[in-house]
């Protein structure tokens, strides 16, 4: 799995304003900014991203994914 593959999977399932990925093909760290995270707790946001990956986590195409998730307003404040 490449960073572009992973970015495409997440971006297709979520309306994202920003996706940044670092990793080695199996272990990834993502920063994801989406208006769909508005009003959701961190666990709900992560579940939404995991749902976007579908079976790729279960069949070990993506072994590990750590993430920071932001709404657009949170991301603007973070910068």
PDB file of N, CA and C in Angstrom:
ATOM      1  N   UNK A   1       0.841  -1.171   0.000  1.00  0.00           N
ATOM      2  CA  UNK A   1       0.000   0.000   0.000  1.00  0.00           C
ATOM      3  C   UNK A   1       0.893   1.244   0.000  1.00  0.00           C
ATOM      4  N   UNK A   2       0.638   2.128  -0.928  1.00  0.00           N
ATOM      5  CA  UNK A   2       1.408   3.369  -0.998  1.00  0.00           C
ATOM      6  C   UNK A   2       0.647   4.492  -0.295  1.00  0.00           C
ATOM      7  N   UNK A   3       1.339   5.577  -0.045  1.00  0.00           N
ATOM      8  CA  UNK A   3       0.696   6.745   0.567  1.00  0.00           C
ATOM      9  C   UNK A   3      -0.431   7.259  -0.327  1.00  0.00           C
ATOM     10  N   UNK A   4      -0.212   7.247  -1.625  1.00  0.00           N
ATOM     11  CA  UNK A   4      -1.254   7.708  -2.554  1.00  0.00           C
ATOM     12  C   UNK A   4      -2.473   6.794  -2.518  1.00  0.00           C
ATOM     13  N   UNK A   5      -2.254   5.480  -2.419  1.00  0.00           N
ATOM     14  CA  UNK A   5      -3.373   4.533  -2.299  1.00  0.00           C
ATOM     15  C   UNK A   5      -4.194   4.836  -1.052  1.00  0.00           C
ATOM     16  N   UNK A   6      -3.499   5.003   0.056  1.00  0.00           N
ATOM     17  CA  UNK A   6      -4.170   5.249   1.322  1.00  0.00           C
ATOM     18  C   UNK A   6      -4.897   6.590   1.300  1.00  0.00           C
ATOM     19  N   UNK A   7      -4.250   7.595   0.753  1.00  0.00           N
ATOM     20  CA  UNK A   7      -4.866   8.923   0.647  1.00  0.00           C
ATOM     21  C   UNK A   7      -6.126   8.856  -0.211  1.00  0.00           C
ATOM     22  N   UNK A   8      -6.065   8.108  -1.280  1.00  0.00           N
ATOM     23  CA  UNK A   8      -7.221   7.952  -2.165  1.00  0.00           C
ATOM     24  C   UNK A   8      -8.381   7.251  -1.462  1.00  0.00           C
ATOM     25  N   UNK A   9      -8.081   6.189  -0.715  1.00  0.00           N
ATOM     26  CA  UNK A   9      -9.129   5.472   0.014  1.00  0.00           C
ATOM     27  C   UNK A   9      -9.833   6.380   1.015  1.00  0.00           C
ATOM     28  N   UNK A  10      -9.050   7.123   1.781  1.00  0.00           N
ATOM     29  CA  UNK A  10      -9.629   8.010   2.789  1.00  0.00           C
ATOM     30  C   UNK A  10     -10.371   9.153   2.114  1.00  0.00           C
ATOM     31  N   UNK A  11      -9.754   9.767   1.116  1.00  0.00           N
ATOM     32  CA  UNK A  11     -10.362  10.907   0.428  1.00  0.00           C
ATOM     33  C   UNK A  11     -11.615  10.571  -0.345  1.00  0.00           C
ATOM     34  N   UNK A  12     -11.741   9.337  -0.782  1.00  0.00           N
ATOM     35  CA  UNK A  12     -12.950   8.911  -1.488  1.00  0.00           C
ATOM     36  C   UNK A  12     -14.119   8.743  -0.518  1.00  0.00           C
ATOM     37  N   UNK A  13     -13.830   8.291   0.681  1.00  0.00           N
ATOM     38  CA  UNK A  13     -14.883   8.012   1.661  1.00  0.00           C
ATOM     39  C   UNK A  13     -15.235   9.223   2.521  1.00  0.00           C
ATOM     40  N   UNK A  14     -14.303  10.156   2.665  1.00  0.00           N
ATOM     41  CA  UNK A  14     -14.505  11.336   3.508  1.00  0.00           C
ATOM     42  C   UNK A  14     -14.242  12.597   2.698  1.00  0.00           C
ATOM     43  N   UNK A  15     -15.023  13.621   2.950  1.00  0.00           N
ATOM     44  CA  UNK A  15     -14.734  14.925   2.350  1.00  0.00           C
ATOM     45  C   UNK A  15     -13.586  15.531   3.140  1.00  0.00           C
ATOM     46  N   UNK A  16     -12.395  15.488   2.593  1.00  0.00           N
ATOM     47  CA  UNK A  16     -11.207  15.943   3.314  1.00  0.00           C
ATOM     48  C   UNK A  16     -10.666  17.229   2.697  1.00  0.00           C
ATOM     49  N   UNK A  17     -10.286  18.139   3.565  1.00  0.00           N
ATOM     50  CA  UNK A  17      -9.622  19.358   3.113  1.00  0.00           C
ATOM     51  C   UNK A  17      -8.115  19.181   3.104  1.00  0.00           C
ATOM     52  N   UNK A  18      -7.641  18.222   3.901  1.00  0.00           N
ATOM     53  CA  UNK A  18      -6.192  18.001   3.994  1.00  0.00           C
ATOM     54  C   UNK A  18      -5.951  16.572   4.480  1.00  0.00           C
ATOM     55  N   UNK A  19      -5.052  15.880   3.812  1.00  0.00           N
ATOM     56  CA  UNK A  19      -4.602  14.558   4.265  1.00  0.00           C
ATOM     57  C   UNK A  19      -3.084  14.530   4.117  1.00  0.00           C
ATOM     58  N   UNK A  20      -2.420  14.256   5.206  1.00  0.00           N
ATOM     59  CA  UNK A  20      -0.965  14.147   5.213  1.00  0.00           C
ATOM     60  C   UNK A  20      -0.614  12.764   5.754  1.00  0.00           C
ATOM     61  N   UNK A  21       0.235  12.035   5.063  1.00  0.00           N
ATOM     62  CA  UNK A  21       0.579  10.675   5.466  1.00  0.00           C
ATOM     63  C   UNK A  21       2.094  10.486   5.533  1.00  0.00           C
ATOM     64  N   UNK A  22       2.514   9.758   6.552  1.00  0.00           N
ATOM     65  CA  UNK A  22       3.897   9.316   6.669  1.00  0.00           C
ATOM     66  C   UNK A  22       3.845   7.836   7.007  1.00  0.00           C
ATOM     67  N   UNK A  23       4.751   7.062   6.431  1.00  0.00           N
ATOM     68  CA  UNK A  23       4.759   5.649   6.774  1.00  0.00           C
ATOM     69  C   UNK A  23       5.665   4.835   5.891  1.00  0.00           C
ATOM     70  N   UNK A  24       5.672   3.540   6.175  1.00  0.00           N
ATOM     71  CA  UNK A  24       6.570   2.625   5.474  1.00  0.00           C
ATOM     72  C   UNK A  24       5.833   1.598   4.618  1.00  0.00           C
ATOM     73  N   UNK A  25       4.545   1.803   4.393  1.00  0.00           N
ATOM     74  CA  UNK A  25       3.770   0.853   3.600  1.00  0.00           C
ATOM     75  C   UNK A  25       2.879  -0.043   4.436  1.00  0.00           C
ATOM     76  N   UNK A  26       3.207  -0.190   5.714  1.00  0.00           N
ATOM     77  CA  UNK A  26       2.369  -0.988   6.622  1.00  0.00           C
ATOM     78  C   UNK A  26       2.000  -0.213   7.879  1.00  0.00           C
ATOM     79  N   UNK A  27       2.908   0.619   8.335  1.00  0.00           N
ATOM     80  CA  UNK A  27       2.680   1.435   9.524  1.00  0.00           C
ATOM     81  C   UNK A  27       2.568   2.895   9.089  1.00  0.00           C
ATOM     82  N   UNK A  28       1.458   3.530   9.430  1.00  0.00           N
ATOM     83  CA  UNK A  28       1.180   4.870   8.934  1.00  0.00           C
ATOM     84  C   UNK A  28       0.828   5.828  10.059  1.00  0.00           C
ATOM     85  N   UNK A  29       1.134   7.107   9.829  1.00  0.00           N
ATOM     86  CA  UNK A  29       0.673   8.193  10.672  1.00  0.00           C
ATOM     87  C   UNK A  29      -0.018   9.183   9.742  1.00  0.00           C
ATOM     88  N   UNK A  30      -1.257   9.533  10.068  1.00  0.00           N
ATOM     89  CA  UNK A  30      -2.040  10.417   9.216  1.00  0.00           C
ATOM     90  C   UNK A  30      -2.516  11.646   9.984  1.00  0.00           C
ATOM     91  N   UNK A  31      -2.532  12.757   9.290  1.00  0.00           N
ATOM     92  CA  UNK A  31      -3.193  13.964   9.758  1.00  0.00           C
ATOM     93  C   UNK A  31      -4.320  14.204   8.765  1.00  0.00           C
ATOM     94  N   UNK A  32      -5.549  14.233   9.278  1.00  0.00           N
ATOM     95  CA  UNK A  32      -6.721  14.311   8.411  1.00  0.00           C
ATOM     96  C   UNK A  32      -7.605  15.466   8.870  1.00  0.00           C
ATOM     97  N   UNK A  33      -7.976  16.326   7.924  1.00  0.00           N
ATOM     98  CA  UNK A  33      -8.848  17.458   8.202  1.00  0.00           C
ATOM     99  C   UNK A  33     -10.120  17.274   7.381  1.00  0.00           C
ATOM    100  N   UNK A  34     -11.263  17.210   8.073  1.00  0.00           N
ATOM    101  CA  UNK A  34     -12.526  16.994   7.382  1.00  0.00           C
ATOM    102  C   UNK A  34     -13.671  17.703   8.108  1.00  0.00           C
ATOM    103  N   UNK A  35     -14.554  18.354   7.353  1.00  0.00           N
ATOM    104  CA  UNK A  35     -15.740  18.937   7.980  1.00  0.00           C
ATOM    105  C   UNK A  35     -16.673  17.858   8.537  1.00  0.00           C
ATOM    106  N   UNK A  36     -16.519  16.623   8.084  1.00  0.00           N
ATOM    107  CA  UNK A  36     -17.343  15.524   8.590  1.00  0.00           C
ATOM    108  C   UNK A  36     -17.038  15.196  10.046  1.00  0.00           C
ATOM    109  N   UNK A  37     -15.935  15.703  10.577  1.00  0.00           N
ATOM    110  CA  UNK A  37     -15.574  15.456  11.974  1.00  0.00           C
ATOM    111  C   UNK A  37     -16.274  16.422  12.931  1.00  0.00           C
ATOM    112  N   UNK A  38     -16.940  17.405  12.393  1.00  0.00           N
ATOM    113  CA  UNK A  38     -17.618  18.405  13.221  1.00  0.00           C
ATOM    114  C   UNK A  38     -18.587  17.735  14.190  1.00  0.00           C
ATOM    115  N   UNK A  39     -18.455  18.060  15.478  1.00  0.00           N
ATOM    116  CA  UNK A  39     -19.357  17.539  16.495  1.00  0.00           C
ATOM    117  C   UNK A  39     -19.077  16.102  16.922  1.00  0.00           C
ATOM    118  N   UNK A  40     -17.996  15.512  16.416  1.00  0.00           N
ATOM    119  CA  UNK A  40     -17.681  14.125  16.754  1.00  0.00           C
ATOM    120  C   UNK A  40     -16.478  14.070  17.705  1.00  0.00           C
ATOM    121  N   UNK A  41     -16.518  13.117  18.626  1.00  0.00           N
ATOM    122  CA  UNK A  41     -15.382  12.873  19.520  1.00  0.00           C
ATOM    123  C   UNK A  41     -14.276  12.174  18.730  1.00  0.00           C
ATOM    124  N   UNK A  42     -13.081  12.148  19.324  1.00  0.00           N
ATOM    125  CA  UNK A  42     -11.923  11.552  18.634  1.00  0.00           C
ATOM    126  C   UNK A  42     -12.190  10.106  18.230  1.00  0.00           C
ATOM    127  N   UNK A  43     -12.775   9.317  19.099  1.00  0.00           N
ATOM    128  CA  UNK A  43     -13.020   7.902  18.774  1.00  0.00           C
ATOM    129  C   UNK A  43     -13.983   7.782  17.591  1.00  0.00           C
ATOM    130  N   UNK A  44     -14.969   8.646  17.513  1.00  0.00           N
ATOM    131  CA  UNK A  44     -15.915   8.605  16.396  1.00  0.00           C
ATOM    132  C   UNK A  44     -15.230   8.999  15.083  1.00  0.00           C
ATOM    133  N   UNK A  45     -14.324   9.940  15.175  1.00  0.00           N
ATOM    134  CA  UNK A  45     -13.571  10.352  13.986  1.00  0.00           C
ATOM    135  C   UNK A  45     -12.692   9.209  13.490  1.00  0.00           C
ATOM    136  N   UNK A  46     -12.012   8.564  14.421  1.00  0.00           N
ATOM    137  CA  UNK A  46     -11.132   7.449  14.052  1.00  0.00           C
ATOM    138  C   UNK A  46     -11.940   6.299  13.467  1.00  0.00           C
ATOM    139  N   UNK A  47     -13.094   6.021  14.046  1.00  0.00           N
ATOM    140  CA  UNK A  47     -13.948   4.958  13.520  1.00  0.00           C
ATOM    141  C   UNK A  47     -14.380   5.271  12.095  1.00  0.00           C
ATOM    142  N   UNK A  48     -14.613   6.542  11.817  1.00  0.00           N
ATOM    143  CA  UNK A  48     -15.013   6.947  10.467  1.00  0.00           C
ATOM    144  C   UNK A  48     -13.880   6.671   9.475  1.00  0.00           C
ATOM    145  N   UNK A  49     -12.653   6.962   9.882  1.00  0.00           N
ATOM    146  CA  UNK A  49     -11.507   6.706   9.003  1.00  0.00           C
ATOM    147  C   UNK A  49     -11.300   5.200   8.835  1.00  0.00           C
ATOM    148  N   UNK A  50     -11.396   4.446   9.930  1.00  0.00           N
ATOM    149  CA  UNK A  50     -11.256   2.991   9.835  1.00  0.00           C
ATOM    150  C   UNK A  50     -12.310   2.394   8.905  1.00  0.00           C
ATOM    151  N   UNK A  51     -13.527   2.921   8.961  1.00  0.00           N
ATOM    152  CA  UNK A  51     -14.590   2.440   8.066  1.00  0.00           C
ATOM    153  C   UNK A  51     -14.225   2.708   6.609  1.00  0.00           C
ATOM    154  N   UNK A  52     -13.557   3.823   6.350  1.00  0.00           N
ATOM    155  CA  UNK A  52     -13.134   4.148   4.990  1.00  0.00           C
ATOM    156  C   UNK A  52     -12.132   3.129   4.458  1.00  0.00           C
ATOM    157  N   UNK A  53     -11.339   2.556   5.359  1.00  0.00           N
ATOM    158  CA  UNK A  53     -10.336   1.574   4.942  1.00  0.00           C
ATOM    159  C   UNK A  53     -10.919   0.181   4.757  1.00  0.00           C
ATOM    160  N   UNK A  54     -12.105  -0.032   5.293  1.00  0.00           N
ATOM    161  CA  UNK A  54     -12.779  -1.317   5.116  1.00  0.00           C
ATOM    162  C   UNK A  54     -11.937  -2.478   5.600  1.00  0.00           C
ATOM    163  N   UNK A  55     -11.811  -3.491   4.777  1.00  0.00           N
ATOM    164  CA  UNK A  55     -11.124  -4.730   5.162  1.00  0.00           C
ATOM    165  C   UNK A  55      -9.600  -4.622   5.094  1.00  0.00           C
ATOM    166  N   UNK A  56      -9.092  -3.493   4.640  1.00  0.00           N
ATOM    167  CA  UNK A  56      -7.639  -3.379   4.485  1.00  0.00           C
ATOM    168  C   UNK A  56      -6.892  -3.464   5.806  1.00  0.00           C
ATOM    169  N   UNK A  57      -7.537  -3.088   6.899  1.00  0.00           N
ATOM    170  CA  UNK A  57      -6.937  -3.270   8.218  1.00  0.00           C
ATOM    171  C   UNK A  57      -7.058  -4.720   8.663  1.00  0.00           C
ATOM    172  N   UNK A  58      -8.180  -5.333   8.359  1.00  0.00           N
ATOM    173  CA  UNK A  58      -8.420  -6.717   8.765  1.00  0.00           C
ATOM    174  C   UNK A  58      -7.527  -7.695   8.026  1.00  0.00           C
ATOM    175  N   UNK A  59      -7.268  -7.451   6.746  1.00  0.00           N
ATOM    176  CA  UNK A  59      -6.441  -8.383   5.977  1.00  0.00           C
ATOM    177  C   UNK A  59      -4.968  -7.969   5.968  1.00  0.00           C
ATOM    178  N   UNK A  60      -4.617  -6.986   6.803  1.00  0.00           N
ATOM    179  CA  UNK A  60      -3.234  -6.587   7.065  1.00  0.00           C
ATOM    180  C   UNK A  60      -2.561  -5.841   5.916  1.00  0.00           C
ATOM    181  N   UNK A  61      -3.330  -5.288   4.968  1.00  0.00           N
ATOM    182  CA  UNK A  61      -2.726  -4.418   3.963  1.00  0.00           C
ATOM    183  C   UNK A  61      -2.186  -3.160   4.647  1.00  0.00           C
ATOM    184  N   UNK A  62      -2.925  -2.706   5.647  1.00  0.00           N
ATOM    185  CA  UNK A  62      -2.489  -1.616   6.513  1.00  0.00           C
ATOM    186  C   UNK A  62      -2.376  -2.227   7.900  1.00  0.00           C
ATOM    187  N   UNK A  63      -1.171  -2.356   8.391  1.00  0.00           N
ATOM    188  CA  UNK A  63      -0.976  -3.017   9.679  1.00  0.00           C
ATOM    189  C   UNK A  63      -1.330  -2.086  10.843  1.00  0.00           C
ATOM    190  N   UNK A  64      -0.944  -0.821  10.744  1.00  0.00           N
ATOM    191  CA  UNK A  64      -1.202   0.120  11.827  1.00  0.00           C
ATOM    192  C   UNK A  64      -1.420   1.513  11.254  1.00  0.00           C
ATOM    193  N   UNK A  65      -2.366   2.227  11.834  1.00  0.00           N
ATOM    194  CA  UNK A  65      -2.649   3.600  11.431  1.00  0.00           C
ATOM    195  C   UNK A  65      -2.874   4.441  12.678  1.00  0.00           C
ATOM    196  N   UNK A  66      -1.946   5.351  12.931  1.00  0.00           N
ATOM    197  CA  UNK A  66      -2.122   6.345  13.981  1.00  0.00           C
ATOM    198  C   UNK A  66      -2.596   7.609  13.285  1.00  0.00           C
ATOM    199  N   UNK A  67      -3.427   8.379  13.967  1.00  0.00           N
ATOM    200  CA  UNK A  67      -3.924   9.569  13.281  1.00  0.00           C
ATOM    201  C   UNK A  67      -4.244  10.704  14.228  1.00  0.00           C
ATOM    202  N   UNK A  68      -4.155  11.880  13.653  1.00  0.00           N
ATOM    203  CA  UNK A  68      -4.655  13.098  14.281  1.00  0.00           C
ATOM    204  C   UNK A  68      -5.754  13.586  13.363  1.00  0.00           C
ATOM    205  N   UNK A  69      -6.908  13.867  13.930  1.00  0.00           N
ATOM    206  CA  UNK A  69      -8.053  14.281  13.135  1.00  0.00           C
ATOM    207  C   UNK A  69      -8.522  15.658  13.590  1.00  0.00           C
ATOM    208  N   UNK A  70      -8.846  16.501  12.634  1.00  0.00           N
ATOM    209  CA  UNK A  70      -9.241  17.869  12.914  1.00  0.00           C
ATOM    210  C   UNK A  70     -10.432  18.279  12.062  1.00  0.00           C
ATOM    211  N   UNK A  71     -11.256  19.161  12.600  1.00  0.00           N
ATOM    212  CA  UNK A  71     -12.218  19.881  11.771  1.00  0.00           C
ATOM    213  C   UNK A  71     -11.432  21.011  11.102  1.00  0.00           C
ATOM    214  N   UNK A  72     -11.978  21.640  10.065  1.00  0.00           N
ATOM    215  CA  UNK A  72     -11.257  22.758   9.455  1.00  0.00           C
ATOM    216  C   UNK A  72     -10.948  23.884  10.457  1.00  0.00           C
ATOM    217  N   UNK A  73     -11.860  24.184  11.356  1.00  0.00           N
ATOM    218  CA  UNK A  73     -11.620  25.239  12.351  1.00  0.00           C
ATOM    219  C   UNK A  73     -10.508  24.838  13.322  1.00  0.00           C
ATOM    220  N   UNK A  74     -10.504  23.584  13.751  1.00  0.00           N
ATOM    221  CA  UNK A  74      -9.443  23.094  14.638  1.00  0.00           C
ATOM    222  C   UNK A  74      -8.086  23.149  13.939  1.00  0.00           C
ATOM    223  N   UNK A  75      -8.073  22.793  12.670  1.00  0.00           N
ATOM    224  CA  UNK A  75      -6.830  22.785  11.907  1.00  0.00           C
ATOM    225  C   UNK A  75      -6.294  24.216  11.745  1.00  0.00           C
ATOM    226  N   UNK A  76      -7.188  25.166  11.481  1.00  0.00           N
ATOM    227  CA  UNK A  76      -6.778  26.572  11.361  1.00  0.00           C
ATOM    228  C   UNK A  76      -6.194  27.062  12.678  1.00  0.00           C
ATOM    229  N   UNK A  77      -6.779  26.669  13.792  1.00  0.00           N
ATOM    230  CA  UNK A  77      -6.272  27.061  15.114  1.00  0.00           C
ATOM    231  C   UNK A  77      -4.944  26.376  15.414  1.00  0.00           C
ATOM    232  N   UNK A  78      -4.760  25.153  14.928  1.00  0.00           N
ATOM    233  CA  UNK A  78      -3.538  24.382  15.166  1.00  0.00           C
ATOM    234  C   UNK A  78      -2.336  25.041  14.479  1.00  0.00           C
ATOM    235  N   UNK A  79      -2.579  25.613  13.329  1.00  0.00           N
ATOM    236  CA  UNK A  79      -1.504  26.257  12.573  1.00  0.00           C
ATOM    237  C   UNK A  79      -1.161  27.534  13.260  1.00  0.00           C
TER     238      UNK A  79
END
